[in-house]
């Protein structure tokens, strides 16, 4: 199953939020280790080991959670957590993104604050998807429209692909970089022109 099609169970999402909150290098722009490459890689490896879920799934889910929180925050212009009138399930647990020192919001079943005994029982490092996928997840848990969410995820994959080319690009000297950029731009323009031509042919047929 592709990462963008995976819906995590609520308990797993709460664990993910808890583990990320404990690692400010992943979210707190005022922290000294924020965006430090070594620290962030280490943090994601730790979370992956704890949750037993592929890190690409976790990263995408965290981005969706963060983006949804910011969107809800702007939508309701919320000054305090108590004033939030929306229905997004995870808003209160994500409040620390806005207010880093805010106390941890407790969970009724203790799934966010308590230790998971499974971690000490030899759980497989690569679980079956059914161990963390919520097949009955309701769409209202994520207020972002499906179409916009898909576009956002597609843009994320495009960006990840382009970033994967960066190490090879850095190996080139300045002139070769300029040549490659020119070729890439020409290829994109050609594909856009071909796409426009094809779309026009469909409209006139």
N, C-alpha and C. Protein backbone atom coordinates (compact mmCIF):
# COMPACT_ATOMS: atom_id res chain seq x y z
N UNK A 1 0.85 -1.19 0.00
CA UNK A 1 0.00 0.00 0.00
C UNK A 1 0.88 1.24 0.00
N UNK A 2 0.61 2.17 -0.87
CA UNK A 2 1.40 3.39 -0.94
C UNK A 2 1.16 4.23 0.29
N UNK A 3 2.19 4.95 0.78
CA UNK A 3 2.06 5.73 2.00
C UNK A 3 0.88 6.69 1.98
N UNK A 4 0.57 7.31 0.82
CA UNK A 4 -0.48 8.31 0.81
C UNK A 4 -1.87 7.72 0.98
N UNK A 5 -2.01 6.40 0.87
CA UNK A 5 -3.33 5.78 1.01
C UNK A 5 -3.55 5.25 2.43
N UNK A 6 -2.54 5.34 3.27
CA UNK A 6 -2.61 4.76 4.61
C UNK A 6 -3.31 5.69 5.60
N UNK A 7 -4.26 5.16 6.33
CA UNK A 7 -4.91 5.87 7.42
C UNK A 7 -4.52 5.20 8.72
N UNK A 8 -3.85 5.93 9.59
CA UNK A 8 -3.41 5.36 10.85
C UNK A 8 -4.53 5.36 11.87
N UNK A 9 -4.50 4.37 12.75
CA UNK A 9 -5.46 4.32 13.84
C UNK A 9 -5.25 5.50 14.77
N UNK A 10 -6.32 5.92 15.42
CA UNK A 10 -6.24 7.10 16.29
C UNK A 10 -5.19 6.93 17.37
N UNK A 11 -5.11 5.75 17.96
CA UNK A 11 -4.13 5.51 19.02
C UNK A 11 -2.71 5.67 18.50
N UNK A 12 -2.47 5.23 17.27
CA UNK A 12 -1.14 5.35 16.68
C UNK A 12 -0.82 6.82 16.39
N UNK A 13 -1.81 7.58 15.92
CA UNK A 13 -1.59 9.00 15.65
C UNK A 13 -1.25 9.73 16.95
N UNK A 14 -1.93 9.40 18.03
CA UNK A 14 -1.65 10.03 19.31
C UNK A 14 -0.23 9.70 19.78
N UNK A 15 0.20 8.47 19.55
CA UNK A 15 1.58 8.09 19.90
C UNK A 15 2.58 8.88 19.06
N UNK A 16 2.26 9.03 17.77
CA UNK A 16 3.14 9.78 16.89
C UNK A 16 3.26 11.23 17.38
N UNK A 17 2.15 11.85 17.71
CA UNK A 17 2.17 13.23 18.22
C UNK A 17 2.99 13.32 19.50
N UNK A 18 2.81 12.36 20.39
CA UNK A 18 3.55 12.34 21.66
C UNK A 18 5.06 12.25 21.41
N UNK A 19 5.47 11.34 20.54
CA UNK A 19 6.90 11.14 20.29
C UNK A 19 7.52 12.35 19.60
N UNK A 20 6.77 12.98 18.70
CA UNK A 20 7.30 14.16 18.02
C UNK A 20 7.41 15.33 18.98
N UNK A 21 6.42 15.47 19.85
CA UNK A 21 6.49 16.57 20.82
C UNK A 21 7.75 16.44 21.68
N UNK A 22 8.13 15.23 22.00
CA UNK A 22 9.31 15.00 22.84
C UNK A 22 10.62 15.24 22.10
N UNK A 23 10.53 15.55 20.79
CA UNK A 23 11.72 15.79 19.97
C UNK A 23 11.57 17.13 19.27
N UNK A 24 11.81 18.24 19.98
CA UNK A 24 11.56 19.58 19.44
C UNK A 24 12.37 19.92 18.19
N UNK A 25 13.41 19.17 17.91
CA UNK A 25 14.18 19.44 16.70
C UNK A 25 13.33 19.23 15.45
N UNK A 26 12.20 18.52 15.58
CA UNK A 26 11.33 18.25 14.44
C UNK A 26 10.26 19.31 14.23
N UNK A 27 10.03 20.16 15.23
CA UNK A 27 8.90 21.09 15.10
C UNK A 27 9.08 22.47 15.71
N UNK A 28 9.97 22.61 16.68
CA UNK A 28 10.12 23.89 17.39
C UNK A 28 11.22 24.74 16.74
N UNK A 29 10.81 25.76 16.00
CA UNK A 29 11.77 26.59 15.27
C UNK A 29 12.69 27.38 16.19
N UNK A 30 12.35 27.47 17.47
CA UNK A 30 13.20 28.19 18.42
C UNK A 30 14.21 27.27 19.13
N UNK A 31 14.13 25.99 18.85
CA UNK A 31 15.04 25.05 19.50
C UNK A 31 16.39 25.06 18.80
N UNK A 32 17.45 24.87 19.57
CA UNK A 32 18.80 24.95 19.02
C UNK A 32 19.09 23.87 17.98
N UNK A 33 18.39 22.74 18.08
CA UNK A 33 18.63 21.65 17.12
C UNK A 33 17.58 21.59 16.01
N UNK A 34 16.73 22.63 15.94
CA UNK A 34 15.68 22.61 14.92
C UNK A 34 16.28 22.52 13.52
N UNK A 35 15.81 21.54 12.76
CA UNK A 35 16.25 21.30 11.38
C UNK A 35 17.72 20.89 11.27
N UNK A 36 18.34 20.57 12.40
CA UNK A 36 19.69 19.99 12.33
C UNK A 36 19.58 18.61 11.70
N UNK A 37 20.27 18.41 10.60
CA UNK A 37 20.08 17.19 9.80
C UNK A 37 20.33 15.92 10.62
N UNK A 38 21.44 15.89 11.36
CA UNK A 38 21.78 14.71 12.14
C UNK A 38 20.73 14.45 13.21
N UNK A 39 20.31 15.52 13.90
CA UNK A 39 19.33 15.37 14.97
C UNK A 39 17.97 14.91 14.43
N UNK A 40 17.56 15.47 13.30
CA UNK A 40 16.25 15.10 12.75
C UNK A 40 16.24 13.67 12.23
N UNK A 41 17.32 13.26 11.59
CA UNK A 41 17.41 11.88 11.10
C UNK A 41 17.36 10.91 12.27
N UNK A 42 18.12 11.24 13.33
CA UNK A 42 18.13 10.39 14.52
C UNK A 42 16.74 10.32 15.16
N UNK A 43 16.07 11.47 15.23
CA UNK A 43 14.74 11.53 15.84
C UNK A 43 13.75 10.66 15.07
N UNK A 44 13.76 10.76 13.75
CA UNK A 44 12.81 9.96 12.96
C UNK A 44 13.12 8.47 13.06
N UNK A 45 14.40 8.12 13.16
CA UNK A 45 14.77 6.71 13.34
C UNK A 45 14.24 6.18 14.67
N UNK A 46 14.33 7.01 15.70
CA UNK A 46 13.84 6.61 17.02
C UNK A 46 12.33 6.40 16.99
N UNK A 47 11.62 7.32 16.35
CA UNK A 47 10.15 7.21 16.29
C UNK A 47 9.75 6.00 15.46
N UNK A 48 10.46 5.76 14.38
CA UNK A 48 10.19 4.58 13.55
C UNK A 48 10.36 3.31 14.37
N UNK A 49 11.41 3.24 15.17
CA UNK A 49 11.68 2.06 15.99
C UNK A 49 10.60 1.87 17.05
N UNK A 50 10.09 2.96 17.59
CA UNK A 50 9.08 2.87 18.65
C UNK A 50 7.73 2.45 18.09
N UNK A 51 7.33 3.08 16.98
CA UNK A 51 6.00 2.82 16.42
C UNK A 51 5.97 1.64 15.47
N UNK A 52 7.15 1.18 15.01
CA UNK A 52 7.21 0.05 14.09
C UNK A 52 6.48 0.36 12.78
N UNK A 53 6.64 1.56 12.28
CA UNK A 53 5.99 2.00 11.06
C UNK A 53 7.05 2.65 10.17
N UNK A 54 7.01 2.43 8.86
CA UNK A 54 7.99 3.06 7.95
C UNK A 54 8.04 4.56 8.12
N UNK A 55 9.25 5.13 8.10
CA UNK A 55 9.37 6.55 8.39
C UNK A 55 8.75 7.43 7.31
N UNK A 56 8.64 6.95 6.06
CA UNK A 56 7.99 7.78 5.05
C UNK A 56 6.51 7.97 5.37
N UNK A 57 5.89 6.93 5.93
CA UNK A 57 4.50 7.04 6.36
C UNK A 57 4.39 8.05 7.50
N UNK A 58 5.30 7.96 8.46
CA UNK A 58 5.27 8.86 9.62
C UNK A 58 5.51 10.30 9.22
N UNK A 59 6.46 10.54 8.34
CA UNK A 59 6.77 11.91 7.91
C UNK A 59 5.58 12.56 7.19
N UNK A 60 4.96 11.80 6.29
CA UNK A 60 3.82 12.33 5.55
C UNK A 60 2.65 12.58 6.49
N UNK A 61 2.43 11.65 7.43
CA UNK A 61 1.34 11.83 8.38
C UNK A 61 1.58 13.06 9.25
N UNK A 62 2.81 13.25 9.69
CA UNK A 62 3.11 14.42 10.52
C UNK A 62 2.90 15.71 9.73
N UNK A 63 3.31 15.74 8.49
CA UNK A 63 3.11 16.92 7.66
C UNK A 63 1.61 17.22 7.52
N UNK A 64 0.82 16.18 7.30
CA UNK A 64 -0.63 16.37 7.19
C UNK A 64 -1.22 16.89 8.49
N UNK A 65 -0.77 16.33 9.61
CA UNK A 65 -1.25 16.80 10.92
C UNK A 65 -0.90 18.26 11.15
N UNK A 66 0.33 18.60 10.87
CA UNK A 66 0.80 19.98 11.08
C UNK A 66 0.06 20.96 10.17
N UNK A 67 -0.10 20.60 8.90
CA UNK A 67 -0.79 21.48 7.96
C UNK A 67 -2.26 21.65 8.33
N UNK A 68 -2.88 20.54 8.76
CA UNK A 68 -4.29 20.62 9.16
C UNK A 68 -4.46 21.48 10.40
N UNK A 69 -3.55 21.34 11.35
CA UNK A 69 -3.61 22.18 12.56
C UNK A 69 -3.51 23.66 12.20
N UNK A 70 -2.54 24.00 11.36
CA UNK A 70 -2.37 25.41 10.99
C UNK A 70 -3.59 25.94 10.25
N UNK A 71 -4.18 25.10 9.43
CA UNK A 71 -5.37 25.50 8.69
C UNK A 71 -6.56 25.73 9.63
N UNK A 72 -6.73 24.84 10.60
CA UNK A 72 -7.80 24.98 11.59
C UNK A 72 -7.55 26.21 12.46
N UNK A 73 -6.31 26.44 12.81
CA UNK A 73 -5.95 27.58 13.66
C UNK A 73 -6.30 28.89 12.96
N UNK A 74 -5.96 28.99 11.67
CA UNK A 74 -6.27 30.20 10.91
C UNK A 74 -7.78 30.34 10.66
N UNK A 75 -8.43 29.22 10.42
CA UNK A 75 -9.85 29.23 10.11
C UNK A 75 -10.68 29.82 11.24
N UNK A 76 -10.36 29.41 12.47
CA UNK A 76 -11.15 29.85 13.62
C UNK A 76 -10.48 30.99 14.40
N UNK A 77 -9.27 31.37 13.98
CA UNK A 77 -8.55 32.46 14.65
C UNK A 77 -8.54 32.24 16.16
N UNK A 78 -8.15 31.04 16.54
CA UNK A 78 -8.23 30.61 17.94
C UNK A 78 -7.15 31.27 18.79
N UNK A 79 -7.57 31.97 19.85
CA UNK A 79 -6.63 32.61 20.75
C UNK A 79 -6.18 31.68 21.87
N UNK A 80 -7.03 30.74 22.24
CA UNK A 80 -6.68 29.77 23.27
C UNK A 80 -7.32 28.44 22.93
N UNK A 81 -6.78 27.37 23.48
CA UNK A 81 -7.29 26.05 23.17
C UNK A 81 -8.76 25.91 23.58
N UNK A 82 -9.13 26.57 24.67
CA UNK A 82 -10.50 26.48 25.16
C UNK A 82 -11.51 27.14 24.21
N UNK A 83 -11.02 28.02 23.34
CA UNK A 83 -11.91 28.75 22.44
C UNK A 83 -12.13 28.02 21.11
N UNK A 84 -11.46 26.90 20.91
CA UNK A 84 -11.56 26.22 19.62
C UNK A 84 -12.96 25.62 19.43
N UNK A 85 -13.71 26.03 18.39
CA UNK A 85 -15.06 25.52 18.17
C UNK A 85 -15.15 24.40 17.14
N UNK A 86 -14.01 24.07 16.54
CA UNK A 86 -14.01 23.07 15.47
C UNK A 86 -14.15 21.65 16.00
N UNK A 87 -14.16 20.71 15.05
CA UNK A 87 -14.40 19.30 15.41
C UNK A 87 -13.22 18.39 15.08
N UNK A 88 -12.09 18.96 14.65
CA UNK A 88 -10.96 18.10 14.30
C UNK A 88 -10.43 17.40 15.54
N UNK A 89 -10.37 16.10 15.51
CA UNK A 89 -10.04 15.26 16.67
C UNK A 89 -8.72 15.62 17.33
N UNK A 90 -7.70 15.96 16.53
CA UNK A 90 -6.35 16.07 17.06
C UNK A 90 -5.90 17.51 17.34
N UNK A 91 -6.82 18.46 17.21
CA UNK A 91 -6.42 19.86 17.39
C UNK A 91 -5.81 20.11 18.76
N UNK A 92 -6.48 19.62 19.81
CA UNK A 92 -6.00 19.90 21.17
C UNK A 92 -4.65 19.24 21.45
N UNK A 93 -4.40 18.09 20.82
CA UNK A 93 -3.12 17.41 21.03
C UNK A 93 -1.99 18.08 20.25
N UNK A 94 -2.36 18.84 19.22
CA UNK A 94 -1.37 19.53 18.40
C UNK A 94 -1.14 20.97 18.84
N UNK A 95 -1.81 21.39 19.90
CA UNK A 95 -1.72 22.78 20.34
C UNK A 95 -0.29 23.20 20.67
N UNK A 96 0.54 22.27 21.06
CA UNK A 96 1.93 22.60 21.42
C UNK A 96 2.69 23.19 20.25
N UNK A 97 2.25 22.93 19.02
CA UNK A 97 2.90 23.51 17.84
C UNK A 97 2.80 25.03 17.91
N UNK A 98 1.67 25.52 18.42
CA UNK A 98 1.47 26.96 18.58
C UNK A 98 2.03 27.46 19.90
N UNK A 99 1.86 26.66 20.95
CA UNK A 99 2.29 27.05 22.30
C UNK A 99 3.15 25.93 22.89
N UNK A 100 4.47 25.96 22.63
CA UNK A 100 5.36 24.85 22.99
C UNK A 100 5.34 24.46 24.45
N UNK A 101 5.09 25.40 25.35
CA UNK A 101 5.13 25.11 26.78
C UNK A 101 3.78 24.66 27.34
N UNK A 102 2.79 24.52 26.49
CA UNK A 102 1.47 24.12 26.97
C UNK A 102 1.53 22.69 27.50
N UNK A 103 0.89 22.42 28.65
CA UNK A 103 0.94 21.06 29.22
C UNK A 103 0.40 20.01 28.26
N UNK A 104 0.90 18.80 28.39
CA UNK A 104 0.41 17.70 27.57
C UNK A 104 -1.07 17.46 27.83
N UNK A 105 -1.84 17.39 26.76
CA UNK A 105 -3.27 17.15 26.90
C UNK A 105 -3.49 15.66 27.16
N UNK A 106 -4.11 15.31 28.29
CA UNK A 106 -4.31 13.89 28.60
C UNK A 106 -5.32 13.23 27.67
N UNK A 107 -5.20 11.92 27.52
CA UNK A 107 -6.11 11.14 26.70
C UNK A 107 -6.91 10.24 27.62
N UNK A 108 -8.19 10.11 27.36
CA UNK A 108 -9.08 9.39 28.26
C UNK A 108 -8.67 7.94 28.49
N UNK A 109 -8.15 7.28 27.44
CA UNK A 109 -7.77 5.88 27.61
C UNK A 109 -6.29 5.71 27.93
N UNK A 110 -5.59 6.85 28.10
CA UNK A 110 -4.18 6.78 28.46
C UNK A 110 -3.26 6.41 27.32
N UNK A 111 -3.77 6.34 26.10
CA UNK A 111 -2.93 5.88 24.99
C UNK A 111 -1.84 6.86 24.61
N UNK A 112 -2.00 8.15 24.98
CA UNK A 112 -0.97 9.11 24.64
C UNK A 112 0.12 9.19 25.68
N UNK A 113 -0.26 9.04 26.94
CA UNK A 113 0.71 9.26 28.02
C UNK A 113 1.32 7.98 28.58
N UNK A 114 0.67 6.86 28.38
CA UNK A 114 1.17 5.63 28.99
C UNK A 114 2.15 4.92 28.09
N UNK A 115 2.98 4.05 28.68
CA UNK A 115 3.91 3.25 27.91
C UNK A 115 3.16 2.15 27.19
N UNK A 116 3.67 1.76 26.03
CA UNK A 116 3.04 0.70 25.26
C UNK A 116 3.77 -0.60 25.56
N UNK A 117 3.08 -1.54 26.19
CA UNK A 117 3.72 -2.79 26.58
C UNK A 117 4.19 -3.59 25.39
N UNK A 118 3.62 -3.34 24.21
CA UNK A 118 4.03 -4.09 23.02
C UNK A 118 5.49 -3.84 22.69
N UNK A 119 6.02 -2.68 23.07
CA UNK A 119 7.39 -2.35 22.74
C UNK A 119 8.36 -3.30 23.42
N UNK A 120 7.94 -3.94 24.49
CA UNK A 120 8.83 -4.83 25.22
C UNK A 120 8.49 -6.30 25.02
N UNK A 121 7.67 -6.57 24.00
CA UNK A 121 7.24 -7.94 23.79
C UNK A 121 7.69 -8.49 22.44
N UNK A 122 8.80 -7.99 21.94
CA UNK A 122 9.35 -8.52 20.71
C UNK A 122 8.48 -8.31 19.49
N UNK A 123 7.88 -7.12 19.36
CA UNK A 123 7.04 -6.84 18.20
C UNK A 123 7.91 -6.81 16.95
N UNK A 124 7.40 -7.31 15.86
CA UNK A 124 8.16 -7.34 14.62
C UNK A 124 8.51 -5.92 14.19
N UNK A 125 9.70 -5.75 13.56
CA UNK A 125 10.13 -4.43 13.14
C UNK A 125 9.35 -3.95 11.93
N UNK A 126 8.80 -4.84 11.13
CA UNK A 126 8.00 -4.46 9.98
C UNK A 126 6.63 -5.11 10.11
N UNK A 127 5.67 -4.46 10.78
CA UNK A 127 4.38 -5.09 11.05
C UNK A 127 3.51 -5.16 9.81
N UNK A 128 2.48 -5.99 9.88
CA UNK A 128 1.47 -6.00 8.85
C UNK A 128 0.71 -4.68 8.94
N UNK A 129 0.23 -4.20 7.80
CA UNK A 129 -0.45 -2.92 7.79
C UNK A 129 -1.65 -2.91 8.73
N UNK A 130 -2.28 -4.05 8.93
CA UNK A 130 -3.47 -4.11 9.78
C UNK A 130 -3.14 -3.76 11.22
N UNK A 131 -1.86 -3.79 11.60
CA UNK A 131 -1.49 -3.47 12.97
C UNK A 131 -1.58 -1.97 13.25
N UNK A 132 -1.52 -1.15 12.19
CA UNK A 132 -1.60 0.28 12.44
C UNK A 132 -2.53 1.03 11.50
N UNK A 133 -3.10 0.33 10.53
CA UNK A 133 -4.02 0.99 9.61
C UNK A 133 -5.44 0.93 10.13
N UNK A 134 -6.12 2.05 10.05
CA UNK A 134 -7.52 2.11 10.45
C UNK A 134 -8.39 2.02 9.21
N UNK A 135 -8.94 0.86 8.95
CA UNK A 135 -9.77 0.67 7.77
C UNK A 135 -11.14 1.32 7.93
N UNK A 136 -11.50 1.70 9.17
CA UNK A 136 -12.82 2.29 9.41
C UNK A 136 -12.72 3.78 9.71
N UNK A 137 -11.58 4.37 9.38
CA UNK A 137 -11.38 5.78 9.69
C UNK A 137 -12.43 6.64 8.99
N UNK A 138 -12.91 7.65 9.72
CA UNK A 138 -13.92 8.54 9.17
C UNK A 138 -13.25 9.78 8.60
N UNK A 139 -13.79 10.29 7.51
CA UNK A 139 -13.19 11.43 6.84
C UNK A 139 -13.19 12.68 7.70
N UNK A 140 -14.14 12.80 8.66
CA UNK A 140 -14.19 14.02 9.44
C UNK A 140 -12.98 14.18 10.35
N UNK A 141 -12.19 13.15 10.51
CA UNK A 141 -10.98 13.29 11.32
C UNK A 141 -9.99 14.24 10.67
N UNK A 142 -10.08 14.41 9.37
CA UNK A 142 -9.23 15.33 8.65
C UNK A 142 -10.12 16.27 7.86
N UNK A 143 -10.27 17.53 8.31
CA UNK A 143 -11.19 18.46 7.65
C UNK A 143 -10.71 18.94 6.29
N UNK A 144 -9.50 18.60 5.89
CA UNK A 144 -9.01 19.04 4.59
C UNK A 144 -9.75 18.33 3.48
N UNK A 145 -10.27 19.05 2.47
CA UNK A 145 -10.97 18.40 1.36
C UNK A 145 -10.09 17.36 0.69
N UNK A 146 -10.71 16.26 0.26
CA UNK A 146 -9.95 15.16 -0.32
C UNK A 146 -9.13 15.61 -1.52
N UNK A 147 -9.72 16.42 -2.40
CA UNK A 147 -9.01 16.85 -3.60
C UNK A 147 -7.77 17.64 -3.25
N UNK A 148 -7.90 18.59 -2.30
CA UNK A 148 -6.75 19.39 -1.91
C UNK A 148 -5.70 18.54 -1.21
N UNK A 149 -6.16 17.56 -0.40
CA UNK A 149 -5.22 16.69 0.30
C UNK A 149 -4.40 15.88 -0.70
N UNK A 150 -5.06 15.38 -1.74
CA UNK A 150 -4.35 14.60 -2.75
C UNK A 150 -3.33 15.44 -3.50
N UNK A 151 -3.73 16.69 -3.82
CA UNK A 151 -2.80 17.59 -4.50
C UNK A 151 -1.60 17.88 -3.62
N UNK A 152 -1.84 18.09 -2.33
CA UNK A 152 -0.75 18.36 -1.40
C UNK A 152 0.21 17.18 -1.32
N UNK A 153 -0.34 15.96 -1.27
CA UNK A 153 0.50 14.77 -1.18
C UNK A 153 1.29 14.56 -2.47
N UNK A 154 0.65 14.82 -3.61
CA UNK A 154 1.35 14.69 -4.89
C UNK A 154 2.50 15.68 -4.98
N UNK A 155 2.26 16.92 -4.52
CA UNK A 155 3.32 17.92 -4.51
C UNK A 155 4.46 17.50 -3.62
N UNK A 156 4.12 16.86 -2.49
CA UNK A 156 5.14 16.38 -1.57
C UNK A 156 6.02 15.33 -2.23
N UNK A 157 5.42 14.40 -2.97
CA UNK A 157 6.20 13.37 -3.65
C UNK A 157 7.07 13.97 -4.74
N UNK A 158 6.54 14.97 -5.46
CA UNK A 158 7.35 15.64 -6.49
C UNK A 158 8.56 16.31 -5.85
N UNK A 159 8.33 16.97 -4.73
CA UNK A 159 9.42 17.64 -4.03
C UNK A 159 10.45 16.64 -3.53
N UNK A 160 9.99 15.51 -2.99
CA UNK A 160 10.91 14.49 -2.51
C UNK A 160 11.76 13.94 -3.65
N UNK A 161 11.14 13.77 -4.83
CA UNK A 161 11.89 13.29 -5.99
C UNK A 161 12.98 14.27 -6.39
N UNK A 162 12.61 15.56 -6.46
CA UNK A 162 13.59 16.57 -6.85
C UNK A 162 14.73 16.67 -5.83
N UNK A 163 14.37 16.56 -4.55
CA UNK A 163 15.41 16.61 -3.52
C UNK A 163 16.36 15.42 -3.62
N UNK A 164 15.82 14.27 -4.09
CA UNK A 164 16.67 13.08 -4.21
C UNK A 164 17.74 13.25 -5.28
N UNK A 165 17.51 14.20 -6.22
CA UNK A 165 18.48 14.45 -7.28
C UNK A 165 19.58 15.42 -6.84
N UNK A 166 19.32 16.15 -5.75
CA UNK A 166 20.25 17.20 -5.32
C UNK A 166 21.68 16.70 -5.08
N UNK A 167 21.89 15.53 -4.42
CA UNK A 167 23.28 15.08 -4.18
C UNK A 167 24.06 14.89 -5.47
N UNK A 168 23.40 14.40 -6.53
CA UNK A 168 24.08 14.21 -7.81
C UNK A 168 24.34 15.54 -8.50
N UNK A 169 23.38 16.45 -8.34
CA UNK A 169 23.52 17.78 -8.93
C UNK A 169 24.72 18.52 -8.34
N UNK A 170 24.96 18.32 -7.05
CA UNK A 170 26.07 19.00 -6.38
C UNK A 170 27.43 18.52 -6.87
N UNK A 171 27.46 17.33 -7.48
CA UNK A 171 28.73 16.78 -7.97
C UNK A 171 29.20 17.48 -9.25
N UNK A 172 28.32 18.21 -9.90
CA UNK A 172 28.66 18.87 -11.17
C UNK A 172 29.31 20.22 -10.93
N UNK A 173 30.21 20.61 -11.86
CA UNK A 173 30.77 21.95 -11.75
C UNK A 173 29.76 22.97 -12.27
N UNK A 174 30.07 24.25 -12.14
CA UNK A 174 29.11 25.31 -12.41
C UNK A 174 28.58 25.27 -13.84
N UNK A 175 29.47 25.12 -14.82
CA UNK A 175 29.03 25.15 -16.22
C UNK A 175 28.12 23.97 -16.54
N UNK A 176 28.46 22.79 -16.02
CA UNK A 176 27.62 21.62 -16.29
C UNK A 176 26.25 21.76 -15.60
N UNK A 177 26.24 22.42 -14.44
CA UNK A 177 24.96 22.69 -13.79
C UNK A 177 24.07 23.57 -14.66
N UNK A 178 24.68 24.60 -15.26
CA UNK A 178 23.92 25.50 -16.13
C UNK A 178 23.37 24.77 -17.34
N UNK A 179 24.19 23.88 -17.91
CA UNK A 179 23.75 23.10 -19.07
C UNK A 179 22.60 22.19 -18.68
N UNK A 180 22.74 21.51 -17.53
CA UNK A 180 21.70 20.59 -17.09
C UNK A 180 20.40 21.33 -16.78
N UNK A 181 20.51 22.49 -16.14
CA UNK A 181 19.30 23.27 -15.85
C UNK A 181 18.58 23.64 -17.14
N UNK A 182 19.37 24.05 -18.13
CA UNK A 182 18.78 24.43 -19.42
C UNK A 182 18.06 23.25 -20.07
N UNK A 183 18.69 22.07 -20.01
CA UNK A 183 18.07 20.88 -20.58
C UNK A 183 16.79 20.50 -19.85
N UNK A 184 16.83 20.60 -18.54
CA UNK A 184 15.64 20.26 -17.75
C UNK A 184 14.48 21.22 -18.06
N UNK A 185 14.80 22.51 -18.18
CA UNK A 185 13.77 23.48 -18.51
C UNK A 185 13.18 23.21 -19.89
N UNK A 186 14.06 22.87 -20.85
CA UNK A 186 13.57 22.54 -22.19
C UNK A 186 12.66 21.32 -22.17
N UNK A 187 13.04 20.31 -21.40
CA UNK A 187 12.23 19.09 -21.31
C UNK A 187 10.85 19.39 -20.73
N UNK A 188 10.83 20.21 -19.67
CA UNK A 188 9.56 20.55 -19.04
C UNK A 188 8.68 21.35 -19.98
N UNK A 189 9.29 22.32 -20.68
CA UNK A 189 8.53 23.13 -21.63
C UNK A 189 7.97 22.26 -22.75
N UNK A 190 8.76 21.32 -23.23
CA UNK A 190 8.31 20.42 -24.29
C UNK A 190 7.13 19.56 -23.83
N UNK A 191 7.23 19.06 -22.58
CA UNK A 191 6.15 18.23 -22.06
C UNK A 191 4.87 19.04 -21.85
N UNK A 192 5.03 20.27 -21.38
CA UNK A 192 3.87 21.13 -21.20
C UNK A 192 3.20 21.45 -22.53
N UNK A 193 4.03 21.70 -23.55
CA UNK A 193 3.49 21.99 -24.87
C UNK A 193 2.77 20.77 -25.44
N UNK A 194 3.37 19.59 -25.25
CA UNK A 194 2.76 18.36 -25.74
C UNK A 194 1.43 18.09 -25.02
N UNK A 195 1.41 18.34 -23.72
CA UNK A 195 0.19 18.14 -22.94
C UNK A 195 -0.91 19.09 -23.40
N UNK A 196 -0.54 20.38 -23.62
CA UNK A 196 -1.52 21.35 -24.08
C UNK A 196 -2.07 20.99 -25.45
N UNK A 197 -1.17 20.50 -26.31
CA UNK A 197 -1.59 20.10 -27.66
C UNK A 197 -2.55 18.92 -27.60
N UNK A 198 -2.24 17.96 -26.73
CA UNK A 198 -3.09 16.79 -26.58
C UNK A 198 -4.46 17.17 -26.03
N UNK A 199 -4.47 18.07 -25.04
CA UNK A 199 -5.74 18.49 -24.46
C UNK A 199 -6.60 19.22 -25.48
N UNK A 200 -5.95 20.04 -26.33
CA UNK A 200 -6.70 20.75 -27.36
C UNK A 200 -7.29 19.82 -28.39
N UNK A 201 -6.52 18.74 -28.71
CA UNK A 201 -7.01 17.78 -29.70
C UNK A 201 -8.23 17.03 -29.18
N UNK A 202 -8.25 16.76 -27.85
CA UNK A 202 -9.39 16.10 -27.24
C UNK A 202 -10.63 17.00 -27.29
N UNK A 203 -10.42 18.30 -27.06
CA UNK A 203 -11.54 19.24 -27.03
C UNK A 203 -12.19 19.41 -28.41
N UNK A 204 -11.34 19.36 -29.46
CA UNK A 204 -11.85 19.58 -30.82
C UNK A 204 -12.36 18.33 -31.47
N UNK A 205 -12.06 17.15 -30.89
CA UNK A 205 -12.49 15.89 -31.50
C UNK A 205 -13.94 15.58 -31.16
